[in-house]
Amino acid sequence: MRAGYRPAGGRLRRYADAVSAVDAVDAVDASAVSAVSGPVVAVVGAGQLARMMAQAAIGLGIPLRVLAEERGASAAQVVPEVLVGDHRDLRTLRRLVTGCAVVTFDHEHVPTEHLEALEAQGCVCRPGAAALVHAQNKAVMRERLARLGVPVPRFRLLHHAGEINDCMSELGRPLVLKATAGGYDGKGVWTVAAAAQARVAFATGSTVLAEERVDFARELAALVARSASGQMAAYPVVESVQQQGICAEVVAPAPDLDPELAVEAQRLAMRIAAALDVTGVLAVELFETADGTLLVNELAMRPHNTGHWSIDGAVTSQFENHLRAVLDLPLGDPSARAPWAVMANILGGRVGRLYDGYPHVLARDPAIRVHLYGKEVRPGRKVGHVTAYGSDLADVRARARHAAGWFAGTEEGQG
């Protein structure tokens, strides 16, 4: 057995008592595991996405192995086989994938050259390096989508702050500036009206993506799963409600969305998935403009926050379909189980122990579905989500908001 893993059989040793997880903890024999279940899937990253992927893997009988940056990471609390290490280290990645059928991702931050090296040695990466780079680098993504004729905001790539004034003359002001790599949940995004305000965006010395500020009516997301053999499943198009750059609420399906525009969004997502050869879940975040057209804002090639509602609200969750897709199994039905589903993120607030919210939330609404991520509570951090579903949108939305607010300590009576 190789060093670096926590055993799946017997009592799970506590992380706090383990010596170096990289040097002293034995691994499960992958061939022995796959003999009694399915092929082993390696997951780079051990956040909440990998944690929820593990729930789907249990039902499918698919063993997971995750790469965690620390012992107490969200997925590392629930997945038996864990390697603790750095996703930027090629040697660690090679240890992770040994004996696994396929490797997939909880995040997009693995260096492209490392994925190419894994593929060169015969490792099956899904999505592959050539596809994933479009979710890793916003400049690569924007330029490729533009070449494909996909509708995107007008943009320019800037190399220094001195180009801002010319860019504003072309695209208008204010401009939206984005770091080409590494930004998420509102980080790495700046709205600037003058050149002096733009200097912070160039502090890292990297290229900056400059975009027109889109006059949009709302944000939508079209999520599809695509298998290695090309089968696709499209989920209902959802509305994503953002607060301070963070997704706070998702409504499925998007209320009052023109049916033809919904189909257009799904077709657009499927077209992008095929053109970029994505295997797994692809989330396409969209602007619905004031005049009723669609613009692609962002791409994610993994299960996505805008698809969390599907765990409880769809026939087949995004997490199960992601696993089916990367293993090239037939995809499951993405249809909604109820007319409406609302997912509300639980953001870290005044409550330090989320478990204390259960007595009220579960008694008040026995039909609410709660998912906590096992993460330390910090202000503004996504630490869980709730999902409500039913036939009355106003009621479903109120139930989800109340439950999420109670856990965060923002509802009356908390604190």
Protein backbone atom coordinates (compact mmCIF):
# COMPACT_ATOMS: atom_id res chain seq x y z
CA MET A 1 0.00 0.00 0.00
CA ARG A 2 1.22 3.49 -0.83
CA ALA A 3 1.82 6.17 1.76
CA GLY A 4 -0.48 9.14 1.79
CA TYR A 5 -3.98 7.69 2.18
CA ARG A 6 -6.39 7.04 4.98
CA PRO A 7 -7.67 3.42 5.04
CA ALA A 8 -11.23 2.77 3.91
CA GLY A 9 -11.68 -0.40 5.97
CA GLY A 10 -12.02 -0.61 9.76
CA ARG A 11 -12.23 2.38 12.02
CA LEU A 12 -11.45 5.67 10.34
CA ARG A 13 -8.57 7.24 12.20
CA ARG A 14 -9.05 10.81 13.27
CA TYR A 15 -7.15 13.34 11.24
CA ALA A 16 -5.97 15.09 14.36
CA ASP A 17 -4.27 11.90 15.54
CA ALA A 18 -2.67 10.99 12.23
CA VAL A 19 1.00 11.65 11.73
CA SER A 20 1.98 13.01 8.34
CA ALA A 21 -0.83 12.05 5.98
CA VAL A 22 1.63 12.13 3.11
CA ASP A 23 4.24 9.88 4.74
CA ALA A 24 2.56 7.53 7.16
CA VAL A 25 -1.03 6.62 6.30
CA ASP A 26 -1.62 3.50 4.20
CA ALA A 27 -3.69 3.43 1.03
CA VAL A 28 -6.54 1.26 -0.06
CA ASP A 29 -5.59 -1.27 -2.74
CA ALA A 30 -7.50 0.20 -5.71
CA SER A 31 -7.78 -3.14 -7.51
CA ALA A 32 -9.32 -4.74 -4.41
CA VAL A 33 -11.84 -1.93 -4.09
CA SER A 34 -12.89 -2.05 -7.75
CA ALA A 35 -13.31 -5.82 -7.56
CA VAL A 36 -16.32 -5.39 -5.26
CA SER A 37 -17.61 -2.06 -6.55
CA GLY A 38 -16.99 0.25 -9.49
CA PRO A 39 -13.82 1.79 -10.88
CA VAL A 40 -12.04 4.28 -8.61
CA VAL A 41 -12.53 7.96 -9.48
CA ALA A 42 -9.87 10.42 -8.35
CA VAL A 43 -11.08 13.92 -7.49
CA VAL A 44 -8.66 16.84 -7.33
CA GLY A 45 -9.89 19.00 -4.48
CA ALA A 46 -11.85 18.19 -1.34
CA GLY A 47 -14.31 21.06 -1.00
CA GLN A 48 -18.08 20.88 -0.80
CA LEU A 49 -18.39 19.84 -4.45
CA ALA A 50 -16.32 16.71 -3.84
CA ARG A 51 -18.30 16.12 -0.64
CA MET A 52 -21.61 16.17 -2.51
CA MET A 53 -20.08 14.10 -5.30
CA ALA A 54 -19.35 11.48 -2.64
CA GLN A 55 -23.07 11.25 -1.80
CA ALA A 56 -23.84 10.37 -5.41
CA ALA A 57 -20.88 7.98 -5.58
CA ILE A 58 -22.22 5.98 -2.63
CA GLY A 59 -25.48 5.27 -4.43
CA LEU A 60 -23.65 4.28 -7.60
CA GLY A 61 -21.17 2.11 -5.71
CA ILE A 62 -18.28 4.17 -7.08
CA PRO A 63 -15.27 4.59 -4.75
CA LEU A 64 -13.69 8.05 -4.69
CA ARG A 65 -10.18 9.12 -3.80
CA VAL A 66 -9.76 12.84 -3.11
CA LEU A 67 -6.79 15.16 -2.99
CA ALA A 68 -7.20 17.50 -0.03
CA GLU A 69 -5.06 20.51 0.83
CA GLU A 70 -5.66 19.86 4.54
CA ARG A 71 -6.84 16.99 6.69
CA GLY A 72 -10.10 18.58 7.80
CA ALA A 73 -11.32 19.62 4.35
CA SER A 74 -15.01 19.25 3.60
CA ALA A 75 -14.85 16.07 1.48
CA ALA A 76 -11.99 14.60 3.50
CA GLN A 77 -14.41 14.28 6.42
CA VAL A 78 -16.63 11.84 4.52
CA VAL A 79 -14.51 10.13 1.84
CA PRO A 80 -12.55 7.14 3.19
CA GLU A 81 -9.55 7.45 0.86
CA VAL A 82 -7.76 10.79 1.09
CA LEU A 83 -4.39 12.06 -0.07
CA VAL A 84 -3.26 15.27 1.58
CA GLY A 85 -1.08 17.36 -0.69
CA ASP A 86 -0.75 20.27 -3.10
CA HIS A 87 -2.64 20.17 -6.41
CA ARG A 88 0.17 22.24 -7.92
CA ASP A 89 2.70 19.44 -7.32
CA LEU A 90 2.95 16.98 -10.21
CA ARG A 91 4.42 14.22 -8.05
CA THR A 92 1.41 14.43 -5.72
CA LEU A 93 -0.99 14.33 -8.66
CA ARG A 94 0.70 11.22 -10.01
CA ARG A 95 0.28 9.51 -6.66
CA LEU A 96 -3.37 10.50 -6.60
CA VAL A 97 -4.24 8.99 -9.97
CA THR A 98 -2.30 5.72 -9.64
CA GLY A 99 -4.75 2.82 -9.97
CA CYS A 100 -7.73 5.10 -10.75
CA ALA A 101 -9.91 4.81 -13.85
CA VAL A 102 -10.38 8.55 -14.30
CA VAL A 103 -9.56 11.84 -12.60
CA THR A 104 -12.01 14.72 -12.31
CA PHE A 105 -12.12 18.00 -10.42
CA ASP A 106 -13.62 19.88 -7.48
CA HIS A 107 -11.94 23.06 -8.77
CA GLU A 108 -10.14 24.24 -11.91
CA HIS A 109 -6.81 25.30 -10.39
CA VAL A 110 -4.54 22.43 -11.47
CA PRO A 111 -1.78 23.78 -13.75
CA THR A 112 -2.52 22.94 -17.37
CA GLU A 113 0.98 21.58 -17.93
CA HIS A 114 0.46 19.10 -15.08
CA LEU A 115 -2.76 17.82 -16.63
CA GLU A 116 -1.01 17.47 -19.96
CA ALA A 117 1.74 15.48 -18.25
CA LEU A 118 -0.83 13.16 -16.65
CA GLU A 119 -2.54 12.64 -19.98
CA ALA A 120 0.82 11.92 -21.64
CA GLN A 121 1.39 9.07 -19.18
CA GLY A 122 -2.03 7.59 -20.00
CA CYS A 123 -4.18 9.10 -17.25
CA VAL A 124 -7.78 9.79 -18.29
CA CYS A 125 -8.66 13.36 -17.23
CA ARG A 126 -12.29 14.42 -17.57
CA PRO A 127 -12.60 17.15 -18.52
CA GLY A 128 -9.26 17.03 -20.31
CA ALA A 129 -6.57 19.69 -20.22
CA ALA A 130 -7.54 21.12 -23.63
CA ALA A 131 -11.11 21.67 -22.43
CA LEU A 132 -10.43 22.73 -18.84
CA VAL A 133 -8.14 25.58 -19.85
CA HIS A 134 -11.25 27.47 -20.98
CA ALA A 135 -12.54 27.45 -17.41
CA GLN A 136 -9.11 28.22 -15.97
CA ASN A 137 -8.27 31.25 -18.09
CA LYS A 138 -10.89 33.88 -18.87
CA ALA A 139 -8.85 35.30 -21.73
CA VAL A 140 -8.59 31.91 -23.45
CA MET A 141 -12.31 31.35 -22.85
CA ARG A 142 -13.42 34.73 -24.22
CA GLU A 143 -11.29 34.48 -27.34
CA ARG A 144 -12.39 30.89 -28.10
CA LEU A 145 -16.08 31.63 -27.60
CA ALA A 146 -15.81 34.70 -29.80
CA ARG A 147 -14.22 32.60 -32.57
CA LEU A 148 -17.10 30.13 -32.23
CA GLY A 149 -19.60 32.94 -32.71
CA VAL A 150 -20.98 32.55 -29.17
CA PRO A 151 -22.54 35.80 -27.89
CA VAL A 152 -20.25 37.37 -25.25
CA PRO A 153 -19.80 40.87 -23.85
CA ARG A 154 -17.49 43.11 -25.88
CA PHE A 155 -13.98 42.72 -24.49
CA ARG A 156 -10.29 43.51 -24.82
CA LEU A 157 -7.20 41.99 -23.25
CA LEU A 158 -5.08 44.60 -21.47
CA HIS A 159 -1.42 44.28 -20.49
CA HIS A 160 -0.98 47.46 -18.44
CA ALA A 161 -3.07 50.22 -16.91
CA GLY A 162 -2.00 52.70 -19.59
CA GLU A 163 -4.39 51.01 -22.02
CA ILE A 164 -7.45 51.78 -19.90
CA ASN A 165 -8.39 55.13 -21.43
CA ASP A 166 -8.34 53.78 -25.00
CA CYS A 167 -10.33 50.78 -23.83
CA MET A 168 -12.94 53.01 -22.22
CA SER A 169 -13.25 54.96 -25.45
CA GLU A 170 -14.01 51.69 -27.23
CA LEU A 171 -16.14 49.80 -24.66
CA GLY A 172 -17.55 52.66 -22.57
CA ARG A 173 -17.31 53.37 -18.88
CA PRO A 174 -17.36 52.04 -16.32
CA LEU A 175 -15.39 48.98 -17.38
CA VAL A 176 -15.48 45.57 -15.74
CA LEU A 177 -11.96 44.24 -15.24
CA LYS A 178 -11.33 40.57 -14.46
CA ALA A 179 -8.22 38.66 -13.47
CA THR A 180 -7.73 36.08 -16.20
CA ALA A 181 -7.15 33.30 -13.65
CA GLY A 182 -8.04 32.54 -10.05
CA GLY A 183 -11.05 34.77 -9.44
CA TYR A 184 -14.30 33.43 -7.96
CA ASP A 185 -17.25 34.59 -5.83
CA GLY A 186 -16.63 38.22 -6.74
CA LYS A 187 -12.86 38.05 -6.14
CA GLY A 188 -10.65 39.21 -8.98
CA VAL A 189 -13.38 41.44 -10.46
CA TRP A 190 -13.30 45.24 -10.43
CA THR A 191 -15.64 47.88 -11.84
CA VAL A 192 -13.65 50.99 -12.72
CA ALA A 193 -14.56 54.38 -14.13
CA ALA A 194 -11.05 55.88 -14.33
CA ALA A 195 -7.54 54.69 -15.13
CA ALA A 196 -6.34 55.32 -11.56
CA GLN A 197 -8.88 52.84 -10.23
CA ALA A 198 -7.58 50.12 -12.55
CA ARG A 199 -4.09 49.80 -11.13
CA VAL A 200 -5.11 47.24 -8.51
CA ALA A 201 -6.17 44.88 -11.29
CA PHE A 202 -2.64 44.90 -12.71
CA ALA A 203 -0.89 44.42 -9.36
CA THR A 204 -0.05 40.79 -10.18
CA GLY A 205 1.50 41.78 -13.48
CA SER A 206 -0.77 39.47 -15.46
CA THR A 207 -3.03 40.18 -18.43
CA VAL A 208 -6.41 41.61 -17.47
CA LEU A 209 -9.69 40.97 -19.26
CA ALA A 210 -11.63 44.19 -19.81
CA GLU A 211 -15.32 43.96 -20.66
CA GLU A 212 -18.15 46.32 -21.31
CA ARG A 213 -20.51 46.70 -18.38
CA VAL A 214 -23.58 44.81 -19.56
CA ASP A 215 -27.02 46.25 -18.91
CA PHE A 216 -28.58 42.95 -17.91
CA ALA A 217 -32.01 42.20 -16.49
CA ARG A 218 -30.88 39.14 -14.53
CA GLU A 219 -28.36 36.30 -14.44
CA LEU A 220 -29.22 32.85 -15.69
CA ALA A 221 -27.36 29.54 -15.77
CA ALA A 222 -27.67 26.68 -18.24
CA LEU A 223 -26.18 23.45 -16.95
CA VAL A 224 -25.54 20.38 -19.08
CA ALA A 225 -23.81 17.05 -18.56
CA ARG A 226 -21.88 15.50 -21.44
CA SER A 227 -20.49 11.99 -21.41
CA ALA A 228 -17.23 10.85 -23.00
CA SER A 229 -19.20 9.31 -25.87
CA GLY A 230 -21.10 12.56 -26.48
CA GLN A 231 -24.47 11.93 -24.83
CA MET A 232 -25.91 15.10 -23.25
CA ALA A 233 -28.49 15.93 -20.60
CA ALA A 234 -29.70 19.51 -20.15
CA TYR A 235 -31.13 20.77 -16.86
CA PRO A 236 -33.83 23.44 -16.65
CA VAL A 237 -32.40 26.93 -17.06
CA VAL A 238 -32.23 28.65 -13.66
CA GLU A 239 -32.10 32.19 -12.34
CA SER A 240 -29.10 33.02 -10.17
CA VAL A 241 -29.44 35.82 -7.63
CA GLN A 242 -26.11 37.40 -6.67
CA GLN A 243 -25.28 39.42 -3.57
CA GLN A 244 -21.89 41.16 -3.46
CA GLY A 245 -20.58 38.87 -6.16
CA ILE A 246 -21.67 35.68 -4.39
CA CYS A 247 -24.52 33.44 -5.48
CA ALA A 248 -27.16 33.74 -2.76
CA GLU A 249 -30.16 32.03 -4.34
CA VAL A 250 -31.04 29.88 -7.35
CA VAL A 251 -34.58 29.46 -8.69
CA ALA A 252 -35.37 26.48 -10.91
CA PRO A 253 -36.71 27.01 -13.47
CA ALA A 254 -36.02 30.70 -14.05
CA PRO A 255 -39.34 32.52 -13.44
CA ASP A 256 -41.10 34.06 -16.44
CA LEU A 257 -38.35 33.01 -18.84
CA ASP A 258 -39.54 32.94 -22.42
CA PRO A 259 -39.65 29.24 -23.43
CA GLU A 260 -37.81 29.96 -26.68
CA LEU A 261 -35.05 31.77 -24.78
CA ALA A 262 -34.79 28.84 -22.36
CA VAL A 263 -34.30 26.44 -25.26
CA GLU A 264 -31.76 28.82 -26.79
CA ALA A 265 -29.79 28.84 -23.52
CA GLN A 266 -29.79 25.03 -23.33
CA ARG A 267 -28.72 24.70 -26.95
CA LEU A 268 -25.98 27.26 -26.39
CA ALA A 269 -24.64 25.26 -23.43
CA MET A 270 -24.75 22.01 -25.41
CA ARG A 271 -23.02 23.67 -28.34
CA ILE A 272 -20.21 24.94 -26.11
CA ALA A 273 -19.84 21.56 -24.41
CA ALA A 274 -19.45 19.83 -27.77
CA ALA A 275 -17.15 22.45 -29.30
CA LEU A 276 -14.79 22.43 -26.31
CA ASP A 277 -15.05 18.63 -25.89
CA VAL A 278 -16.18 18.90 -22.28
CA THR A 279 -16.72 15.64 -20.40
CA GLY A 280 -18.73 16.01 -17.21
CA VAL A 281 -20.89 18.90 -16.06
CA LEU A 282 -20.62 22.26 -17.80
CA ALA A 283 -22.26 25.30 -16.22
CA VAL A 284 -22.74 28.28 -18.52
CA GLU A 285 -23.47 31.47 -16.62
CA LEU A 286 -25.45 33.92 -18.73
CA PHE A 287 -26.68 37.49 -18.76
CA GLU A 288 -30.25 37.99 -19.92
CA THR A 289 -30.05 41.51 -21.28
CA ALA A 290 -32.68 44.19 -20.98
CA ASP A 291 -33.70 43.59 -24.62
CA GLY A 292 -34.16 39.84 -24.10
CA THR A 293 -30.93 38.43 -25.56
CA LEU A 294 -28.31 36.16 -24.00
CA LEU A 295 -24.59 36.76 -23.38
CA VAL A 296 -22.21 34.17 -21.94
CA ASN A 297 -20.51 35.46 -18.80
CA GLU A 298 -18.59 32.53 -17.26
CA LEU A 299 -17.95 28.79 -17.70
CA ALA A 300 -17.39 26.11 -15.06
CA MET A 301 -16.46 22.54 -15.99
CA ARG A 302 -17.55 20.76 -12.83
CA PRO A 303 -20.67 20.59 -10.66
CA HIS A 304 -21.67 24.17 -9.93
CA ASN A 305 -23.47 26.18 -7.27
CA THR A 306 -26.30 26.91 -9.69
CA GLY A 307 -26.96 23.16 -9.94
CA HIS A 308 -27.12 22.33 -6.23
CA TRP A 309 -30.92 22.47 -6.35
CA SER A 310 -30.80 19.29 -8.44
CA ILE A 311 -29.77 17.11 -5.48
CA ASP A 312 -33.30 17.30 -4.10
CA GLY A 313 -35.19 18.94 -6.98
CA ALA A 314 -34.25 16.85 -10.03
CA VAL A 315 -34.66 13.19 -10.94
CA THR A 316 -30.86 12.88 -11.30
CA SER A 317 -28.58 15.33 -9.53
CA GLN A 318 -25.75 17.16 -11.26
CA PHE A 319 -23.31 15.22 -9.07
CA GLU A 320 -24.58 11.83 -10.16
CA ASN A 321 -24.64 12.86 -13.80
CA HIS A 322 -21.11 14.22 -13.51
CA LEU A 323 -19.90 10.82 -12.28
CA ARG A 324 -21.90 9.02 -14.94
CA ALA A 325 -20.44 11.31 -17.59
CA VAL A 326 -16.77 10.94 -16.61
CA LEU A 327 -17.21 7.13 -16.44
CA ASP A 328 -19.06 7.19 -19.78
CA LEU A 329 -22.20 5.67 -18.30
CA PRO A 330 -25.66 6.50 -19.68
CA LEU A 331 -26.82 9.81 -18.25
CA GLY A 332 -29.80 10.19 -15.91
CA ASP A 333 -32.98 12.19 -16.33
CA PRO A 334 -32.32 15.89 -15.49
CA SER A 335 -36.02 16.78 -15.21
CA ALA A 336 -37.34 18.68 -12.20
CA ARG A 337 -39.37 16.75 -9.59
CA ALA A 338 -41.62 19.71 -8.73
CA PRO A 339 -42.80 22.86 -10.52
CA TRP A 340 -40.41 25.01 -8.44
CA ALA A 341 -37.22 24.51 -6.49
CA VAL A 342 -35.25 27.22 -4.69
CA MET A 343 -31.74 26.73 -3.38
CA ALA A 344 -30.44 29.30 -0.88
CA ASN A 345 -26.81 29.34 0.17
CA ILE A 346 -26.03 29.46 3.88
CA LEU A 347 -23.38 32.11 4.29
CA GLY A 348 -21.30 32.42 7.42
CA GLY A 349 -22.84 34.97 9.78
CA ARG A 350 -23.34 35.41 13.51
CA VAL A 351 -23.95 31.72 14.30
CA GLY A 352 -20.83 29.71 15.02
CA ARG A 353 -22.34 26.21 15.37
CA LEU A 354 -24.67 25.54 12.48
CA TYR A 355 -26.01 22.34 14.00
CA ASP A 356 -27.84 24.47 16.58
CA GLY A 357 -30.14 25.67 13.81
CA TYR A 358 -31.62 22.22 13.20
CA PRO A 359 -34.31 22.13 15.95
CA HIS A 360 -36.06 25.23 14.63
CA VAL A 361 -35.51 24.73 10.88
CA LEU A 362 -36.49 21.06 10.77
CA ALA A 363 -39.50 21.50 13.06
CA ARG A 364 -40.80 24.53 11.18
CA ASP A 365 -40.45 22.93 7.75
CA PRO A 366 -40.14 19.12 7.66
CA ALA A 367 -39.90 19.24 3.85
CA ILE A 368 -36.83 21.52 3.78
CA ARG A 369 -33.60 19.87 2.65
CA VAL A 370 -30.42 20.94 4.44
CA HIS A 371 -26.84 20.37 3.29
CA LEU A 372 -24.01 21.50 5.58
CA TYR A 373 -20.44 21.31 4.32
CA GLY A 374 -18.47 20.73 7.52
CA LYS A 375 -16.61 24.00 7.04
CA GLU A 376 -15.48 26.51 9.64
CA VAL A 377 -17.93 29.40 9.77
CA ARG A 378 -16.52 32.70 8.56
CA PRO A 379 -18.45 35.81 7.51
CA GLY A 380 -19.59 35.52 3.90
CA ARG A 381 -18.25 31.99 3.42
CA LYS A 382 -20.49 29.36 1.81
CA VAL A 383 -20.94 26.82 4.59
CA GLY A 384 -24.04 25.01 3.35
CA HIS A 385 -27.26 25.34 1.43
CA VAL A 386 -30.95 24.58 1.77
CA THR A 387 -33.44 23.55 -0.89
CA ALA A 388 -37.21 23.93 -0.84
CA TYR A 389 -39.55 22.76 -3.56
CA GLY A 390 -43.27 22.83 -4.30
CA SER A 391 -45.96 24.26 -6.55
CA ASP A 392 -46.09 27.85 -5.24
CA LEU A 393 -42.97 29.88 -6.02
CA ALA A 394 -43.56 32.59 -3.41
CA ASP A 395 -44.00 29.97 -0.68
CA VAL A 396 -41.00 27.92 -1.82
CA ARG A 397 -38.77 30.98 -1.94
CA ALA A 398 -39.89 32.18 1.50
CA ARG A 399 -39.21 28.76 3.03
CA ALA A 400 -35.71 28.58 1.56
CA ARG A 401 -34.83 32.11 2.59
CA HIS A 402 -36.08 31.62 6.14
CA ALA A 403 -34.12 28.40 6.64
CA ALA A 404 -30.88 29.81 5.20
CA GLY A 405 -31.28 32.99 7.22
CA TRP A 406 -31.91 31.09 10.43
CA PHE A 407 -28.72 29.07 10.05
CA ALA A 408 -26.78 32.26 9.36
CA GLY A 409 -28.36 34.09 12.30
CA THR A 410 -30.02 36.78 10.21
CA GLU A 411 -33.64 35.80 10.94
CA GLU A 412 -35.52 37.40 13.82
CA GLY A 413 -34.86 35.62 17.10
CA GLN A 414 -31.32 34.55 16.18
CA GLY A 415 -28.09 36.00 17.42
